Every structure is written in structure tokens, then in C-alpha cells.
């Protein structure tokens, strides 16, 4: 699956560098879980509250 570049990727990376926890919220089916899974593979734990 090809994904489009997202403006929020840089912001997420910056927050993850300085914060112990980050909450990603937004509309349904917009790629939030995919974004987080792509950004933190094996580096940190993450939980989906679906």
C-alpha cells in the first residue's frame, strides 16, 4: 500500500523525541494507527483504544 506524505509526521517525530507519551486523535479511518505504527516500529509501545 502506498501512503501519502503527511504534514503531521514531522510534528509526531518531534513530540516523540521529547515527550514520554503522545496522543494522536482525529476522524475515523484517516491513518492514525498506520502513522503511529510506521513511526515507532519496535522503538516504543503503543496502544490503540479502538
PDB file of N, CA and C in Angstrom:
ATOM      1  N   UNK A   1       0.840  -1.173   0.000  1.00  0.00           N
ATOM      2  CA  UNK A   1       0.000   0.000   0.000  1.00  0.00           C
ATOM      3  C   UNK A   1       0.888   1.240   0.000  1.00  0.00           C
ATOM      4  N   UNK A   2       0.630   2.158  -0.890  1.00  0.00           N
ATOM      5  CA  UNK A   2       1.350   3.420  -0.923  1.00  0.00           C
ATOM      6  C   UNK A   2       0.650   4.411  -0.011  1.00  0.00           C
ATOM      7  N   UNK A   3       1.431   5.175   0.740  1.00  0.00           N
ATOM      8  CA  UNK A   3       0.850   6.187   1.606  1.00  0.00           C
ATOM      9  C   UNK A   3       1.299   7.560   1.147  1.00  0.00           C
ATOM     10  N   UNK A   4       0.475   8.546   1.419  1.00  0.00           N
ATOM     11  CA  UNK A   4       0.815   9.920   1.086  1.00  0.00           C
ATOM     12  C   UNK A   4       1.644  10.520   2.208  1.00  0.00           C
ATOM     13  N   UNK A   5       2.570  11.415   1.885  1.00  0.00           N
ATOM     14  CA  UNK A   5       3.320  12.086   2.945  1.00  0.00           C
ATOM     15  C   UNK A   5       2.353  12.909   3.803  1.00  0.00           C
ATOM     16  N   UNK A   6       2.572  12.924   5.077  1.00  0.00           N
ATOM     17  CA  UNK A   6       1.682  13.653   5.980  1.00  0.00           C
ATOM     18  C   UNK A   6       2.450  14.760   6.685  1.00  0.00           C
ATOM     19  N   UNK A   7       1.814  15.911   6.788  1.00  0.00           N
ATOM     20  CA  UNK A   7       2.431  17.043   7.463  1.00  0.00           C
ATOM     21  C   UNK A   7       2.669  16.743   8.938  1.00  0.00           C
ATOM     22  N   UNK A   8       1.825  15.920   9.520  1.00  0.00           N
ATOM     23  CA  UNK A   8       1.907  15.639  10.948  1.00  0.00           C
ATOM     24  C   UNK A   8       3.080  14.712  11.301  1.00  0.00           C
ATOM     25  N   UNK A   9       3.666  14.034  10.325  1.00  0.00           N
ATOM     26  CA  UNK A   9       4.765  13.103  10.619  1.00  0.00           C
ATOM     27  C   UNK A   9       5.923  13.793  11.327  1.00  0.00           C
ATOM     28  N   UNK A  10       6.299  14.964  10.854  1.00  0.00           N
ATOM     29  CA  UNK A  10       7.394  15.703  11.484  1.00  0.00           C
ATOM     30  C   UNK A  10       7.050  16.126  12.899  1.00  0.00           C
ATOM     31  N   UNK A  11       5.822  16.589  13.082  1.00  0.00           N
ATOM     32  CA  UNK A  11       5.376  17.005  14.412  1.00  0.00           C
ATOM     33  C   UNK A  11       5.350  15.817  15.366  1.00  0.00           C
ATOM     34  N   UNK A  12       4.883  14.677  14.885  1.00  0.00           N
ATOM     35  CA  UNK A  12       4.854  13.474  15.717  1.00  0.00           C
ATOM     36  C   UNK A  12       6.267  13.051  16.101  1.00  0.00           C
ATOM     37  N   UNK A  13       7.171  13.066  15.151  1.00  0.00           N
ATOM     38  CA  UNK A  13       8.559  12.691  15.432  1.00  0.00           C
ATOM     39  C   UNK A  13       9.171  13.610  16.483  1.00  0.00           C
ATOM     40  N   UNK A  14       8.909  14.898  16.366  1.00  0.00           N
ATOM     41  CA  UNK A  14       9.430  15.875  17.336  1.00  0.00           C
ATOM     42  C   UNK A  14       8.856  15.618  18.724  1.00  0.00           C
ATOM     43  N   UNK A  15       7.557  15.407  18.809  1.00  0.00           N
ATOM     44  CA  UNK A  15       6.926  15.161  20.115  1.00  0.00           C
ATOM     45  C   UNK A  15       7.446  13.876  20.741  1.00  0.00           C
ATOM     46  N   UNK A  16       7.604  12.836  19.936  1.00  0.00           N
ATOM     47  CA  UNK A  16       8.094  11.565  20.466  1.00  0.00           C
ATOM     48  C   UNK A  16       9.527  11.683  20.974  1.00  0.00           C
ATOM     49  N   UNK A  17      10.264  12.615  20.432  1.00  0.00           N
ATOM     50  CA  UNK A  17      11.646  12.801  20.872  1.00  0.00           C
ATOM     51  C   UNK A  17      11.723  13.418  22.267  1.00  0.00           C
ATOM     52  N   UNK A  18      10.741  14.260  22.616  1.00  0.00           N
ATOM     53  CA  UNK A  18      10.822  14.985  23.885  1.00  0.00           C
ATOM     54  C   UNK A  18       9.757  14.602  24.910  1.00  0.00           C
ATOM     55  N   UNK A  19       8.723  13.884  24.498  1.00  0.00           N
ATOM     56  CA  UNK A  19       7.627  13.538  25.404  1.00  0.00           C
ATOM     57  C   UNK A  19       7.593  12.035  25.670  1.00  0.00           C
ATOM     58  N   UNK A  20       7.257  11.638  26.897  1.00  0.00           N
ATOM     59  CA  UNK A  20       7.156  10.207  27.186  1.00  0.00           C
ATOM     60  C   UNK A  20       5.893   9.579  26.604  1.00  0.00           C
ATOM     61  N   UNK A  21       4.861  10.399  26.355  1.00  0.00           N
ATOM     62  CA  UNK A  21       3.609   9.880  25.790  1.00  0.00           C
ATOM     63  C   UNK A  21       3.008  10.917  24.853  1.00  0.00           C
ATOM     64  N   UNK A  22       2.404  10.441  23.785  1.00  0.00           N
ATOM     65  CA  UNK A  22       1.754  11.315  22.803  1.00  0.00           C
ATOM     66  C   UNK A  22       0.407  10.700  22.449  1.00  0.00           C
ATOM     67  N   UNK A  23      -0.633  11.520  22.393  1.00  0.00           N
ATOM     68  CA  UNK A  23      -1.965  11.069  21.997  1.00  0.00           C
ATOM     69  C   UNK A  23      -2.227  11.565  20.582  1.00  0.00           C
ATOM     70  N   UNK A  24      -2.643  10.660  19.713  1.00  0.00           N
ATOM     71  CA  UNK A  24      -2.988  11.014  18.335  1.00  0.00           C
ATOM     72  C   UNK A  24      -4.492  10.823  18.189  1.00  0.00           C
ATOM     73  N   UNK A  25      -5.207  11.911  17.927  1.00  0.00           N
ATOM     74  CA  UNK A  25      -6.658  11.848  17.778  1.00  0.00           C
ATOM     75  C   UNK A  25      -7.062  12.383  16.411  1.00  0.00           C
ATOM     76  N   UNK A  26      -8.275  12.080  16.011  1.00  0.00           N
ATOM     77  CA  UNK A  26      -8.775  12.595  14.743  1.00  0.00           C
ATOM     78  C   UNK A  26      -9.950  11.782  14.243  1.00  0.00           C
ATOM     79  N   UNK A  27     -10.387  12.131  13.062  1.00  0.00           N
ATOM     80  CA  UNK A  27     -11.537  11.467  12.448  1.00  0.00           C
ATOM     81  C   UNK A  27     -11.234   9.994  12.173  1.00  0.00           C
ATOM     82  N   UNK A  28     -12.289   9.223  12.019  1.00  0.00           N
ATOM     83  CA  UNK A  28     -12.143   7.787  11.742  1.00  0.00           C
ATOM     84  C   UNK A  28     -11.521   7.562  10.375  1.00  0.00           C
ATOM     85  N   UNK A  29     -10.756   6.493  10.277  1.00  0.00           N
ATOM     86  CA  UNK A  29     -10.178   5.999   9.025  1.00  0.00           C
ATOM     87  C   UNK A  29      -9.346   7.044   8.286  1.00  0.00           C
ATOM     88  N   UNK A  30      -8.529   7.783   9.039  1.00  0.00           N
ATOM     89  CA  UNK A  30      -7.657   8.777   8.410  1.00  0.00           C
ATOM     90  C   UNK A  30      -6.189   8.401   8.496  1.00  0.00           C
ATOM     91  N   UNK A  31      -5.877   7.208   9.032  1.00  0.00           N
ATOM     92  CA  UNK A  31      -4.499   6.733   9.050  1.00  0.00           C
ATOM     93  C   UNK A  31      -3.732   6.977  10.333  1.00  0.00           C
ATOM     94  N   UNK A  32      -4.430   7.237  11.424  1.00  0.00           N
ATOM     95  CA  UNK A  32      -3.745   7.491  12.694  1.00  0.00           C
ATOM     96  C   UNK A  32      -2.942   6.281  13.162  1.00  0.00           C
ATOM     97  N   UNK A  33      -3.565   5.115  13.187  1.00  0.00           N
ATOM     98  CA  UNK A  33      -2.867   3.901  13.631  1.00  0.00           C
ATOM     99  C   UNK A  33      -1.721   3.548  12.697  1.00  0.00           C
ATOM    100  N   UNK A  34      -1.936   3.706  11.410  1.00  0.00           N
ATOM    101  CA  UNK A  34      -0.888   3.432  10.424  1.00  0.00           C
ATOM    102  C   UNK A  34       0.287   4.375  10.621  1.00  0.00           C
ATOM    103  N   UNK A  35      -0.004   5.641  10.854  1.00  0.00           N
ATOM    104  CA  UNK A  35       1.043   6.638  11.082  1.00  0.00           C
ATOM    105  C   UNK A  35       1.887   6.270  12.296  1.00  0.00           C
ATOM    106  N   UNK A  36       1.239   5.934  13.394  1.00  0.00           N
ATOM    107  CA  UNK A  36       1.970   5.598  14.619  1.00  0.00           C
ATOM    108  C   UNK A  36       2.760   4.310  14.435  1.00  0.00           C
ATOM    109  N   UNK A  37       2.156   3.306  13.843  1.00  0.00           N
ATOM    110  CA  UNK A  37       2.853   2.032  13.626  1.00  0.00           C
ATOM    111  C   UNK A  37       4.073   2.227  12.734  1.00  0.00           C
ATOM    112  N   UNK A  38       3.957   3.074  11.739  1.00  0.00           N
ATOM    113  CA  UNK A  38       5.073   3.353  10.832  1.00  0.00           C
ATOM    114  C   UNK A  38       6.172   4.146  11.539  1.00  0.00           C
ATOM    115  N   UNK A  39       5.769   5.036  12.418  1.00  0.00           N
ATOM    116  CA  UNK A  39       6.725   5.949  13.058  1.00  0.00           C
ATOM    117  C   UNK A  39       7.476   5.295  14.217  1.00  0.00           C
ATOM    118  N   UNK A  40       6.887   4.320  14.893  1.00  0.00           N
ATOM    119  CA  UNK A  40       7.513   3.745  16.087  1.00  0.00           C
ATOM    120  C   UNK A  40       7.648   2.229  16.023  1.00  0.00           C
ATOM    121  N   UNK A  41       8.079   1.657  14.905  1.00  0.00           N
ATOM    122  CA  UNK A  41       8.171   0.191  14.842  1.00  0.00           C
ATOM    123  C   UNK A  41       9.235  -0.354  15.789  1.00  0.00           C
ATOM    124  N   UNK A  42       8.793  -1.011  16.854  1.00  0.00           N
ATOM    125  CA  UNK A  42       9.715  -1.637  17.786  1.00  0.00           C
ATOM    126  C   UNK A  42      10.447  -0.695  18.723  1.00  0.00           C
ATOM    127  N   UNK A  43      10.300   0.603  18.552  1.00  0.00           N
ATOM    128  CA  UNK A  43      11.011   1.557  19.403  1.00  0.00           C
ATOM    129  C   UNK A  43      10.286   1.788  20.720  1.00  0.00           C
ATOM    130  N   UNK A  44       8.974   1.875  20.654  1.00  0.00           N
ATOM    131  CA  UNK A  44       8.161   2.151  21.834  1.00  0.00           C
ATOM    132  C   UNK A  44       6.907   1.298  21.792  1.00  0.00           C
ATOM    133  N   UNK A  45       6.276   1.202  22.931  1.00  0.00           N
ATOM    134  CA  UNK A  45       4.976   0.534  22.973  1.00  0.00           C
ATOM    135  C   UNK A  45       3.911   1.546  22.586  1.00  0.00           C
ATOM    136  N   UNK A  46       2.877   1.067  21.933  1.00  0.00           N
ATOM    137  CA  UNK A  46       1.738   1.939  21.673  1.00  0.00           C
ATOM    138  C   UNK A  46       0.463   1.135  21.810  1.00  0.00           C
ATOM    139  N   UNK A  47      -0.599   1.840  22.140  1.00  0.00           N
ATOM    140  CA  UNK A  47      -1.892   1.189  22.333  1.00  0.00           C
ATOM    141  C   UNK A  47      -2.935   1.885  21.485  1.00  0.00           C
ATOM    142  N   UNK A  48      -3.758   1.102  20.836  1.00  0.00           N
ATOM    143  CA  UNK A  48      -4.892   1.624  20.091  1.00  0.00           C
ATOM    144  C   UNK A  48      -6.127   1.455  20.961  1.00  0.00           C
ATOM    145  N   UNK A  49      -6.870   2.499  21.145  1.00  0.00           N
ATOM    146  CA  UNK A  49      -8.050   2.448  22.012  1.00  0.00           C
ATOM    147  C   UNK A  49      -9.332   2.308  21.211  1.00  0.00           C
ATOM    148  N   UNK A  50      -9.252   1.619  20.086  1.00  0.00           N
ATOM    149  CA  UNK A  50     -10.444   1.387  19.248  1.00  0.00           C
ATOM    150  C   UNK A  50     -11.475   0.598  19.999  1.00  0.00           C
TER     151      UNK A  50
END
